[in-house]
Every structure is written in C-alpha cells, then in structure tokens.
Amino acid sequence: MTIDEITTTAELNRIILGEHRGVVLDFWGTWCQPCRSLRPHLERLADDHGDRWRVIAVHCEESPSLVDAYDVRSTPTLVFLRDGDEVDRTTGAVTPSSIAGKLAGL
C-alpha cells in the first residue's frame, strides 16, 4: 500500500464517499522533523493494515482548507475517520506501536 497525497477537500470527499475502509489523515510539513520520522512507520502501517485503513497525507502548507476544516493546530496530527466521521486523533510525536494499537482498536 502507498500513502496518497491530497490537497483539496473535494479530493478527500471523493475518497471518503468511495472508501469502505477507515481513513487516517496524516497532517504533516516538510519542516517538521517528527513528521519526517513518522512517515516510514505510516507506510509500514498502511501495508500491515491496508485491508482496514487507508492512509492519506495532507501537507499543511499546500492544503490550508483541510487544515482549517480539521482544526489542525500542530504537526504531526493524525485524524482517524470512519464513514467520514472523526473517531480519534493524535497530535505530536507518537510511537508506531501506539498508532498500530489505535488502528487495531478502532
């Protein structure tokens, strides 16, 4: 599985409408060291949990409307969606095991 990059609300809505899995939105920035450290772990988690979860990356500087829509105040922020509704969120540096636990529990 790969991590898809989106920049608009329309792209996200199209994904959510056609997606049977949960969606993890990864709000990140190139200047954010924890974001860059987290990316390989998210790629691995996308592979391991791809049957249940789809990971979507949202670059904060390129997607201000999505940042506003999801009230993102810091990076990295992971927003977990089911059927288009937010079911959980993490902010700041998190461990891969804590993310895997969330994915398994949601």
PDB file of N, CA and C in Angstrom:
ATOM      1  N   MET A   1       0.840  -1.194   0.000  1.00  0.00           N
ATOM      2  CA  MET A   1       0.000   0.000   0.000  1.00  0.00           C
ATOM      3  C   MET A   1       0.872   1.239   0.000  1.00  0.00           C
ATOM      4  N   THR A   2       0.364   2.256  -0.590  1.00  0.00           N
ATOM      5  CA  THR A   2       1.069   3.529  -0.587  1.00  0.00           C
ATOM      6  C   THR A   2       0.249   4.546   0.185  1.00  0.00           C
ATOM      7  N   ILE A   3       0.899   5.624   0.514  1.00  0.00           N
ATOM      8  CA  ILE A   3       0.211   6.739   1.149  1.00  0.00           C
ATOM      9  C   ILE A   3      -0.102   7.745   0.054  1.00  0.00           C
ATOM     10  N   ASP A   4      -1.379   8.033  -0.123  1.00  0.00           N
ATOM     11  CA  ASP A   4      -1.808   9.001  -1.134  1.00  0.00           C
ATOM     12  C   ASP A   4      -1.673  10.407  -0.576  1.00  0.00           C
ATOM     13  N   GLU A   5      -1.327  11.344  -1.447  1.00  0.00           N
ATOM     14  CA  GLU A   5      -1.246  12.761  -1.086  1.00  0.00           C
ATOM     15  C   GLU A   5      -2.450  13.483  -1.677  1.00  0.00           C
ATOM     16  N   ILE A   6      -3.106  14.298  -0.870  1.00  0.00           N
ATOM     17  CA  ILE A   6      -4.213  15.112  -1.376  1.00  0.00           C
ATOM     18  C   ILE A   6      -4.005  16.556  -0.956  1.00  0.00           C
ATOM     19  N   THR A   7      -4.683  17.463  -1.652  1.00  0.00           N
ATOM     20  CA  THR A   7      -4.548  18.878  -1.314  1.00  0.00           C
ATOM     21  C   THR A   7      -5.877  19.596  -1.168  1.00  0.00           C
ATOM     22  N   THR A   8      -6.984  18.955  -1.572  1.00  0.00           N
ATOM     23  CA  THR A   8      -8.262  19.663  -1.528  1.00  0.00           C
ATOM     24  C   THR A   8      -9.326  18.872  -0.785  1.00  0.00           C
ATOM     25  N   THR A   9     -10.308  19.596  -0.311  1.00  0.00           N
ATOM     26  CA  THR A   9     -11.450  18.983   0.350  1.00  0.00           C
ATOM     27  C   THR A   9     -12.222  18.109  -0.629  1.00  0.00           C
ATOM     28  N   ALA A  10     -12.304  18.534  -1.889  1.00  0.00           N
ATOM     29  CA  ALA A  10     -13.015  17.743  -2.906  1.00  0.00           C
ATOM     30  C   ALA A  10     -12.360  16.377  -3.076  1.00  0.00           C
ATOM     31  N   GLU A  11     -11.029  16.326  -3.094  1.00  0.00           N
ATOM     32  CA  GLU A  11     -10.328  15.043  -3.202  1.00  0.00           C
ATOM     33  C   GLU A  11     -10.657  14.147  -2.014  1.00  0.00           C
ATOM     34  N   LEU A  12     -10.627  14.727  -0.822  1.00  0.00           N
ATOM     35  CA  LEU A  12     -10.919  13.944   0.374  1.00  0.00           C
ATOM     36  C   LEU A  12     -12.354  13.443   0.354  1.00  0.00           C
ATOM     37  N   ASN A  13     -13.299  14.285  -0.014  1.00  0.00           N
ATOM     38  CA  ASN A  13     -14.697  13.860  -0.062  1.00  0.00           C
ATOM     39  C   ASN A  13     -14.898  12.723  -1.049  1.00  0.00           C
ATOM     40  N   ARG A  14     -14.228  12.790  -2.183  1.00  0.00           N
ATOM     41  CA  ARG A  14     -14.312  11.727  -3.182  1.00  0.00           C
ATOM     42  C   ARG A  14     -13.772  10.409  -2.615  1.00  0.00           C
ATOM     43  N   ILE A  15     -12.680  10.490  -1.880  1.00  0.00           N
ATOM     44  CA  ILE A  15     -12.099   9.288  -1.260  1.00  0.00           C
ATOM     45  C   ILE A  15     -13.040   8.726  -0.212  1.00  0.00           C
ATOM     46  N   ILE A  16     -13.544   9.572   0.657  1.00  0.00           N
ATOM     47  CA  ILE A  16     -14.404   9.113   1.751  1.00  0.00           C
ATOM     48  C   ILE A  16     -15.674   8.467   1.208  1.00  0.00           C
ATOM     49  N   LEU A  17     -16.272   9.062   0.186  1.00  0.00           N
ATOM     50  CA  LEU A  17     -17.510   8.517  -0.370  1.00  0.00           C
ATOM     51  C   LEU A  17     -17.314   7.131  -0.972  1.00  0.00           C
ATOM     52  N   GLY A  18     -16.137   6.879  -1.533  1.00  0.00           N
ATOM     53  CA  GLY A  18     -15.906   5.601  -2.190  1.00  0.00           C
ATOM     54  C   GLY A  18     -15.132   4.601  -1.363  1.00  0.00           C
ATOM     55  N   GLU A  19     -14.846   4.917  -0.113  1.00  0.00           N
ATOM     56  CA  GLU A  19     -13.969   4.080   0.692  1.00  0.00           C
ATOM     57  C   GLU A  19     -14.743   3.257   1.715  1.00  0.00           C
ATOM     58  N   HIS A  20     -14.532   1.948   1.707  1.00  0.00           N
ATOM     59  CA  HIS A  20     -15.172   1.067   2.689  1.00  0.00           C
ATOM     60  C   HIS A  20     -14.316   0.930   3.949  1.00  0.00           C
ATOM     61  N   ARG A  21     -13.043   1.306   3.842  1.00  0.00           N
ATOM     62  CA  ARG A  21     -12.129   1.226   4.989  1.00  0.00           C
ATOM     63  C   ARG A  21     -12.156   2.536   5.765  1.00  0.00           C
ATOM     64  N   GLY A  22     -11.549   2.515   6.932  1.00  0.00           N
ATOM     65  CA  GLY A  22     -11.317   3.747   7.660  1.00  0.00           C
ATOM     66  C   GLY A  22     -10.226   4.543   6.956  1.00  0.00           C
ATOM     67  N   VAL A  23     -10.146   5.823   7.268  1.00  0.00           N
ATOM     68  CA  VAL A  23      -9.157   6.703   6.662  1.00  0.00           C
ATOM     69  C   VAL A  23      -8.351   7.368   7.774  1.00  0.00           C
ATOM     70  N   VAL A  24      -7.031   7.364   7.614  1.00  0.00           N
ATOM     71  CA  VAL A  24      -6.149   8.087   8.520  1.00  0.00           C
ATOM     72  C   VAL A  24      -5.586   9.274   7.750  1.00  0.00           C
ATOM     73  N   LEU A  25      -5.860  10.473   8.236  1.00  0.00           N
ATOM     74  CA  LEU A  25      -5.301  11.681   7.634  1.00  0.00           C
ATOM     75  C   LEU A  25      -4.038  12.052   8.393  1.00  0.00           C
ATOM     76  N   ASP A  26      -2.936  12.115   7.682  1.00  0.00           N
ATOM     77  CA  ASP A  26      -1.643  12.485   8.247  1.00  0.00           C
ATOM     78  C   ASP A  26      -1.351  13.924   7.856  1.00  0.00           C
ATOM     79  N   PHE A  27      -1.569  14.860   8.780  1.00  0.00           N
ATOM     80  CA  PHE A  27      -1.264  16.265   8.542  1.00  0.00           C
ATOM     81  C   PHE A  27       0.202  16.484   8.893  1.00  0.00           C
ATOM     82  N   TRP A  28       0.979  16.911   7.897  1.00  0.00           N
ATOM     83  CA  TRP A  28       2.425  16.987   8.072  1.00  0.00           C
ATOM     84  C   TRP A  28       3.000  18.213   7.375  1.00  0.00           C
ATOM     85  N   GLY A  29       4.277  18.471   7.624  1.00  0.00           N
ATOM     86  CA  GLY A  29       5.003  19.544   6.951  1.00  0.00           C
ATOM     87  C   GLY A  29       6.442  19.113   6.717  1.00  0.00           C
ATOM     88  N   THR A  30       7.034  19.599   5.646  1.00  0.00           N
ATOM     89  CA  THR A  30       8.414  19.225   5.322  1.00  0.00           C
ATOM     90  C   THR A  30       9.394  19.720   6.374  1.00  0.00           C
ATOM     91  N   TRP A  31       9.080  20.781   7.077  1.00  0.00           N
ATOM     92  CA  TRP A  31       9.923  21.382   8.092  1.00  0.00           C
ATOM     93  C   TRP A  31       9.795  20.679   9.438  1.00  0.00           C
ATOM     94  N   CYS A  32       8.895  19.700   9.525  1.00  0.00           N
ATOM     95  CA  CYS A  32       8.571  19.028  10.796  1.00  0.00           C
ATOM     96  C   CYS A  32       9.353  17.718  10.907  1.00  0.00           C
ATOM     97  N   GLN A  33      10.372  17.711  11.770  1.00  0.00           N
ATOM     98  CA  GLN A  33      11.191  16.510  11.935  1.00  0.00           C
ATOM     99  C   GLN A  33      10.376  15.306  12.425  1.00  0.00           C
ATOM    100  N   PRO A  34       9.494  15.451  13.418  1.00  0.00           N
ATOM    101  CA  PRO A  34       8.681  14.291  13.817  1.00  0.00           C
ATOM    102  C   PRO A  34       7.814  13.756  12.670  1.00  0.00           C
ATOM    103  N   CYS A  35       7.354  14.647  11.793  1.00  0.00           N
ATOM    104  CA  CYS A  35       6.564  14.214  10.630  1.00  0.00           C
ATOM    105  C   CYS A  35       7.402  13.339   9.709  1.00  0.00           C
ATOM    106  N   ARG A  36       8.617  13.791   9.442  1.00  0.00           N
ATOM    107  CA  ARG A  36       9.508  13.028   8.559  1.00  0.00           C
ATOM    108  C   ARG A  36       9.899  11.698   9.192  1.00  0.00           C
ATOM    109  N   SER A  37      10.076  11.679  10.498  1.00  0.00           N
ATOM    110  CA  SER A  37      10.411  10.431  11.189  1.00  0.00           C
ATOM    111  C   SER A  37       9.235   9.460  11.192  1.00  0.00           C
ATOM    112  N   LEU A  38       8.037   9.995  11.233  1.00  0.00           N
ATOM    113  CA  LEU A  38       6.833   9.172  11.300  1.00  0.00           C
ATOM    114  C   LEU A  38       6.479   8.531   9.960  1.00  0.00           C
ATOM    115  N   ARG A  39       6.830   9.169   8.846  1.00  0.00           N
ATOM    116  CA  ARG A  39       6.400   8.712   7.523  1.00  0.00           C
ATOM    117  C   ARG A  39       6.728   7.250   7.230  1.00  0.00           C
ATOM    118  N   PRO A  40       7.960   6.757   7.441  1.00  0.00           N
ATOM    119  CA  PRO A  40       8.221   5.343   7.135  1.00  0.00           C
ATOM    120  C   PRO A  40       7.370   4.395   7.973  1.00  0.00           C
ATOM    121  N   HIS A  41       7.077   4.796   9.193  1.00  0.00           N
ATOM    122  CA  HIS A  41       6.228   3.965  10.050  1.00  0.00           C
ATOM    123  C   HIS A  41       4.792   3.940   9.527  1.00  0.00           C
ATOM    124  N   LEU A  42       4.309   5.093   9.050  1.00  0.00           N
ATOM    125  CA  LEU A  42       2.963   5.135   8.472  1.00  0.00           C
ATOM    126  C   LEU A  42       2.890   4.297   7.204  1.00  0.00           C
ATOM    127  N   GLU A  43       3.945   4.309   6.414  1.00  0.00           N
ATOM    128  CA  GLU A  43       3.968   3.474   5.207  1.00  0.00           C
ATOM    129  C   GLU A  43       3.887   1.993   5.578  1.00  0.00           C
ATOM    130  N   ARG A  44       4.626   1.598   6.594  1.00  0.00           N
ATOM    131  CA  ARG A  44       4.581   0.209   7.055  1.00  0.00           C
ATOM    132  C   ARG A  44       3.200  -0.135   7.622  1.00  0.00           C
ATOM    133  N   LEU A  45       2.623   0.793   8.387  1.00  0.00           N
ATOM    134  CA  LEU A  45       1.282   0.556   8.936  1.00  0.00           C
ATOM    135  C   LEU A  45       0.239   0.477   7.826  1.00  0.00           C
ATOM    136  N   ALA A  46       0.415   1.283   6.775  1.00  0.00           N
ATOM    137  CA  ALA A  46      -0.505   1.213   5.630  1.00  0.00           C
ATOM    138  C   ALA A  46      -0.430  -0.164   4.994  1.00  0.00           C
ATOM    139  N   ASP A  47       0.766  -0.723   4.917  1.00  0.00           N
ATOM    140  CA  ASP A  47       0.928  -2.079   4.383  1.00  0.00           C
ATOM    141  C   ASP A  47       0.285  -3.114   5.301  1.00  0.00           C
ATOM    142  N   ASP A  48       0.539  -3.003   6.592  1.00  0.00           N
ATOM    143  CA  ASP A  48       0.067  -4.000   7.555  1.00  0.00           C
ATOM    144  C   ASP A  48      -1.441  -3.945   7.787  1.00  0.00           C
ATOM    145  N   HIS A  49      -2.029  -2.745   7.674  1.00  0.00           N
ATOM    146  CA  HIS A  49      -3.455  -2.563   7.987  1.00  0.00           C
ATOM    147  C   HIS A  49      -4.257  -2.093   6.772  1.00  0.00           C
ATOM    148  N   GLY A  50      -3.705  -2.269   5.575  1.00  0.00           N
ATOM    149  CA  GLY A  50      -4.333  -1.763   4.357  1.00  0.00           C
ATOM    150  C   GLY A  50      -5.692  -2.350   4.061  1.00  0.00           C
ATOM    151  N   ASP A  51      -5.994  -3.513   4.630  1.00  0.00           N
ATOM    152  CA  ASP A  51      -7.314  -4.101   4.411  1.00  0.00           C
ATOM    153  C   ASP A  51      -8.397  -3.366   5.193  1.00  0.00           C
ATOM    154  N   ARG A  52      -8.003  -2.643   6.246  1.00  0.00           N
ATOM    155  CA  ARG A  52      -8.977  -1.945   7.099  1.00  0.00           C
ATOM    156  C   ARG A  52      -8.837  -0.428   7.105  1.00  0.00           C
ATOM    157  N   TRP A  53      -7.625   0.081   6.734  1.00  0.00           N
ATOM    158  CA  TRP A  53      -7.348   1.511   6.832  1.00  0.00           C
ATOM    159  C   TRP A  53      -6.615   2.018   5.597  1.00  0.00           C
ATOM    160  N   ARG A  54      -6.952   3.210   5.171  1.00  0.00           N
ATOM    161  CA  ARG A  54      -6.250   3.888   4.089  1.00  0.00           C
ATOM    162  C   ARG A  54      -5.588   5.133   4.669  1.00  0.00           C
ATOM    163  N   VAL A  55      -4.318   5.319   4.388  1.00  0.00           N
ATOM    164  CA  VAL A  55      -3.573   6.460   4.916  1.00  0.00           C
ATOM    165  C   VAL A  55      -3.457   7.524   3.828  1.00  0.00           C
ATOM    166  N   ILE A  56      -3.853   8.736   4.182  1.00  0.00           N
ATOM    167  CA  ILE A  56      -3.828   9.877   3.275  1.00  0.00           C
ATOM    168  C   ILE A  56      -2.967  10.969   3.901  1.00  0.00           C
ATOM    169  N   ALA A  57      -1.992  11.470   3.157  1.00  0.00           N
ATOM    170  CA  ALA A  57      -1.131  12.547   3.641  1.00  0.00           C
ATOM    171  C   ALA A  57      -1.675  13.898   3.185  1.00  0.00           C
ATOM    172  N   VAL A  58      -1.639  14.851   4.102  1.00  0.00           N
ATOM    173  CA  VAL A  58      -2.096  16.208   3.818  1.00  0.00           C
ATOM    174  C   VAL A  58      -0.969  17.161   4.218  1.00  0.00           C
ATOM    175  N   HIS A  59      -0.310  17.753   3.226  1.00  0.00           N
ATOM    176  CA  HIS A  59       0.754  18.723   3.501  1.00  0.00           C
ATOM    177  C   HIS A  59       0.093  20.024   3.950  1.00  0.00           C
ATOM    178  N   CYS A  60       0.410  20.444   5.162  1.00  0.00           N
ATOM    179  CA  CYS A  60      -0.295  21.588   5.756  1.00  0.00           C
ATOM    180  C   CYS A  60      -0.156  22.882   4.960  1.00  0.00           C
ATOM    181  N   GLU A  61       1.007  23.151   4.424  1.00  0.00           N
ATOM    182  CA  GLU A  61       1.201  24.403   3.684  1.00  0.00           C
ATOM    183  C   GLU A  61       0.484  24.400   2.339  1.00  0.00           C
ATOM    184  N   GLU A  62       0.264  23.216   1.770  1.00  0.00           N
ATOM    185  CA  GLU A  62      -0.384  23.118   0.470  1.00  0.00           C
ATOM    186  C   GLU A  62      -1.895  22.924   0.581  1.00  0.00           C
ATOM    187  N   SER A  63      -2.386  22.692   1.792  1.00  0.00           N
ATOM    188  CA  SER A  63      -3.803  22.355   1.978  1.00  0.00           C
ATOM    189  C   SER A  63      -4.428  23.124   3.136  1.00  0.00           C
ATOM    190  N   PRO A  64      -4.374  24.454   3.113  1.00  0.00           N
ATOM    191  CA  PRO A  64      -4.898  25.208   4.257  1.00  0.00           C
ATOM    192  C   PRO A  64      -6.385  24.986   4.514  1.00  0.00           C
ATOM    193  N   SER A  65      -7.161  24.698   3.477  1.00  0.00           N
ATOM    194  CA  SER A  65      -8.595  24.482   3.709  1.00  0.00           C
ATOM    195  C   SER A  65      -8.828  23.200   4.513  1.00  0.00           C
ATOM    196  N   LEU A  66      -8.044  22.167   4.272  1.00  0.00           N
ATOM    197  CA  LEU A  66      -8.181  20.933   5.058  1.00  0.00           C
ATOM    198  C   LEU A  66      -7.667  21.131   6.481  1.00  0.00           C
ATOM    199  N   VAL A  67      -6.585  21.887   6.623  1.00  0.00           N
ATOM    200  CA  VAL A  67      -6.062  22.198   7.962  1.00  0.00           C
ATOM    201  C   VAL A  67      -7.137  22.907   8.778  1.00  0.00           C
ATOM    202  N   ASP A  68      -7.808  23.872   8.171  1.00  0.00           N
ATOM    203  CA  ASP A  68      -8.884  24.595   8.860  1.00  0.00           C
ATOM    204  C   ASP A  68     -10.078  23.683   9.135  1.00  0.00           C
ATOM    205  N   ALA A  69     -10.465  22.887   8.150  1.00  0.00           N
ATOM    206  CA  ALA A  69     -11.646  22.027   8.297  1.00  0.00           C
ATOM    207  C   ALA A  69     -11.474  21.031   9.440  1.00  0.00           C
ATOM    208  N   TYR A  70     -10.243  20.566   9.650  1.00  0.00           N
ATOM    209  CA  TYR A  70      -9.996  19.587  10.711  1.00  0.00           C
ATOM    210  C   TYR A  70      -9.348  20.210  11.940  1.00  0.00           C
ATOM    211  N   ASP A  71      -9.322  21.534  11.991  1.00  0.00           N
ATOM    212  CA  ASP A  71      -8.832  22.285  13.142  1.00  0.00           C
ATOM    213  C   ASP A  71      -7.462  21.773  13.607  1.00  0.00           C
ATOM    214  N   VAL A  72      -6.548  21.623  12.659  1.00  0.00           N
ATOM    215  CA  VAL A  72      -5.196  21.158  12.961  1.00  0.00           C
ATOM    216  C   VAL A  72      -4.375  22.344  13.450  1.00  0.00           C
ATOM    217  N   ARG A  73      -3.791  22.186  14.631  1.00  0.00           N
ATOM    218  CA  ARG A  73      -3.024  23.269  15.254  1.00  0.00           C
ATOM    219  C   ARG A  73      -1.534  22.973  15.355  1.00  0.00           C
ATOM    220  N   SER A  74      -1.142  21.701  15.184  1.00  0.00           N
ATOM    221  CA  SER A  74       0.269  21.349  15.236  1.00  0.00           C
ATOM    222  C   SER A  74       0.503  20.092  14.410  1.00  0.00           C
ATOM    223  N   THR A  75       1.763  19.861  14.117  1.00  0.00           N
ATOM    224  CA  THR A  75       2.123  18.690  13.327  1.00  0.00           C
ATOM    225  C   THR A  75       3.110  17.838  14.108  1.00  0.00           C
ATOM    226  N   PRO A  76       3.099  16.565  13.883  1.00  0.00           N
ATOM    227  CA  PRO A  76       2.133  15.839  13.068  1.00  0.00           C
ATOM    228  C   PRO A  76       0.803  15.678  13.805  1.00  0.00           C
ATOM    229  N   THR A  77      -0.262  15.660  13.047  1.00  0.00           N
ATOM    230  CA  THR A  77      -1.586  15.331  13.565  1.00  0.00           C
ATOM    231  C   THR A  77      -2.138  14.208  12.705  1.00  0.00           C
ATOM    232  N   LEU A  78      -2.603  13.158  13.356  1.00  0.00           N
ATOM    233  CA  LEU A  78      -3.273  12.054  12.675  1.00  0.00           C
ATOM    234  C   LEU A  78      -4.739  12.095  13.055  1.00  0.00           C
ATOM    235  N   VAL A  79      -5.610  12.130  12.052  1.00  0.00           N
ATOM    236  CA  VAL A  79      -7.053  12.131  12.278  1.00  0.00           C
ATOM    237  C   VAL A  79      -7.596  10.814  11.711  1.00  0.00           C
ATOM    238  N   PHE A  80      -8.285  10.058  12.555  1.00  0.00           N
ATOM    239  CA  PHE A  80      -8.838   8.761  12.177  1.00  0.00           C
ATOM    240  C   PHE A  80     -10.324   8.936  11.861  1.00  0.00           C
ATOM    241  N   LEU A  81     -10.722   8.561  10.649  1.00  0.00           N
ATOM    242  CA  LEU A  81     -12.103   8.719  10.194  1.00  0.00           C
ATOM    243  C   LEU A  81     -12.728   7.366   9.910  1.00  0.00           C
ATOM    244  N   ARG A  82     -13.998   7.226  10.268  1.00  0.00           N
ATOM    245  CA  ARG A  82     -14.827   6.081   9.885  1.00  0.00           C
ATOM    246  C   ARG A  82     -16.095   6.640   9.282  1.00  0.00           C
ATOM    247  N   ASP A  83     -16.407   6.228   8.071  1.00  0.00           N
ATOM    248  CA  ASP A  83     -17.595   6.723   7.366  1.00  0.00           C
ATOM    249  C   ASP A  83     -17.636   8.244   7.324  1.00  0.00           C
ATOM    250  N   GLY A  84     -16.452   8.853   7.226  1.00  0.00           N
ATOM    251  CA  GLY A  84     -16.358  10.299   7.122  1.00  0.00           C
ATOM    252  C   GLY A  84     -16.378  11.045   8.441  1.00  0.00           C
ATOM    253  N   ASP A  85     -16.595  10.342   9.546  1.00  0.00           N
ATOM    254  CA  ASP A  85     -16.655  10.973  10.858  1.00  0.00           C
ATOM    255  C   ASP A  85     -15.366  10.736  11.629  1.00  0.00           C
ATOM    256  N   GLU A  86     -14.898  11.755  12.316  1.00  0.00           N
ATOM    257  CA  GLU A  86     -13.703  11.611  13.139  1.00  0.00           C
ATOM    258  C   GLU A  86     -14.002  10.724  14.337  1.00  0.00           C
ATOM    259  N   VAL A  87     -13.171   9.689  14.527  1.00  0.00           N
ATOM    260  CA  VAL A  87     -13.348   8.779  15.657  1.00  0.00           C
ATOM    261  C   VAL A  87     -12.195   8.866  16.647  1.00  0.00           C
ATOM    262  N   ASP A  88     -11.083   9.460  16.225  1.00  0.00           N
ATOM    263  CA  ASP A  88      -9.938   9.620  17.126  1.00  0.00           C
ATOM    264  C   ASP A  88      -8.941  10.558  16.476  1.00  0.00           C
ATOM    265  N   ARG A  89      -7.955  10.979  17.273  1.00  0.00           N
ATOM    266  CA  ARG A  89      -6.940  11.911  16.781  1.00  0.00           C
ATOM    267  C   ARG A  89      -5.718  11.809  17.684  1.00  0.00           C
ATOM    268  N   THR A  90      -4.540  11.978  17.089  1.00  0.00           N
ATOM    269  CA  THR A  90      -3.310  12.118  17.864  1.00  0.00           C
ATOM    270  C   THR A  90      -2.607  13.377  17.381  1.00  0.00           C
ATOM    271  N   THR A  91      -1.872  13.999  18.274  1.00  0.00           N
ATOM    272  CA  THR A  91      -1.118  15.197  17.928  1.00  0.00           C
ATOM    273  C   THR A  91       0.276  15.067  18.509  1.00  0.00           C
ATOM    274  N   GLY A  92       1.258  15.463  17.723  1.00  0.00           N
ATOM    275  CA  GLY A  92       2.638  15.403  18.172  1.00  0.00           C
ATOM    276  C   GLY A  92       3.263  14.050  17.860  1.00  0.00           C
ATOM    277  N   ALA A  93       4.487  13.899  18.314  1.00  0.00           N
ATOM    278  CA  ALA A  93       5.227  12.663  18.066  1.00  0.00           C
ATOM    279  C   ALA A  93       4.554  11.506  18.794  1.00  0.00           C
ATOM    280  N   VAL A  94       4.286  10.447  18.073  1.00  0.00           N
ATOM    281  CA  VAL A  94       3.689   9.241  18.649  1.00  0.00           C
ATOM    282  C   VAL A  94       4.501   8.037  18.195  1.00  0.00           C
ATOM    283  N   THR A  95       4.412   6.981  18.945  1.00  0.00           N
ATOM    284  CA  THR A  95       5.151   5.777  18.593  1.00  0.00           C
ATOM    285  C   THR A  95       4.365   4.963  17.570  1.00  0.00           C
ATOM    286  N   PRO A  96       5.069   4.235  16.730  1.00  0.00           N
ATOM    287  CA  PRO A  96       4.379   3.363  15.769  1.00  0.00           C
ATOM    288  C   PRO A  96       3.478   2.344  16.469  1.00  0.00           C
ATOM    289  N   SER A  97       3.895   1.856  17.620  1.00  0.00           N
ATOM    290  CA  SER A  97       3.064   0.869  18.325  1.00  0.00           C
ATOM    291  C   SER A  97       1.759   1.490  18.829  1.00  0.00           C
ATOM    292  N   SER A  98       1.788   2.764  19.224  1.00  0.00           N
ATOM    293  CA  SER A  98       0.548   3.399  19.685  1.00  0.00           C
ATOM    294  C   SER A  98      -0.416   3.600  18.513  1.00  0.00           C
ATOM    295  N   ILE A  99       0.115   3.923  17.342  1.00  0.00           N
ATOM    296  CA  ILE A  99      -0.730   4.061  16.157  1.00  0.00           C
ATOM    297  C   ILE A  99      -1.307   2.713  15.761  1.00  0.00           C
ATOM    298  N   ALA A 100      -0.480   1.675  15.769  1.00  0.00           N
ATOM    299  CA  ALA A 100      -0.949   0.322  15.437  1.00  0.00           C
ATOM    300  C   ALA A 100      -2.031  -0.113  16.410  1.00  0.00           C
ATOM    301  N   GLY A 101      -1.875   0.226  17.672  1.00  0.00           N
ATOM    302  CA  GLY A 101      -2.890  -0.092  18.674  1.00  0.00           C
ATOM    303  C   GLY A 101      -4.208   0.601  18.385  1.00  0.00           C
ATOM    304  N   LYS A 102      -4.124   1.868  17.996  1.00  0.00           N
ATOM    305  CA  LYS A 102      -5.343   2.611  17.647  1.00  0.00           C
ATOM    306  C   LYS A 102      -6.023   1.970  16.440  1.00  0.00           C
ATOM    307  N   LEU A 103      -5.219   1.655  15.408  1.00  0.00           N
ATOM    308  CA  LEU A 103      -5.795   1.063  14.211  1.00  0.00           C
ATOM    309  C   LEU A 103      -6.478  -0.273  14.515  1.00  0.00           C
ATOM    310  N   ALA A 104      -5.877  -1.051  15.388  1.00  0.00           N
ATOM    311  CA  ALA A 104      -6.446  -2.332  15.758  1.00  0.00           C
ATOM    312  C   ALA A 104      -7.715  -2.167  16.601  1.00  0.00           C
ATOM    313  N   GLY A 105      -7.737  -1.119  17.438  1.00  0.00           N
ATOM    314  CA  GLY A 105      -8.860  -0.911  18.351  1.00  0.00           C
ATOM    315  C   GLY A 105     -10.032  -0.187  17.762  1.00  0.00           C
ATOM    316  N   LEU A 106      -9.813   0.546  16.682  1.00  0.00           N
ATOM    317  CA  LEU A 106     -10.904   1.313  16.090  1.00  0.00           C
ATOM    318  C   LEU A 106     -11.599   0.452  15.091  1.00  0.00           C
TER     319      LEU A 106
END
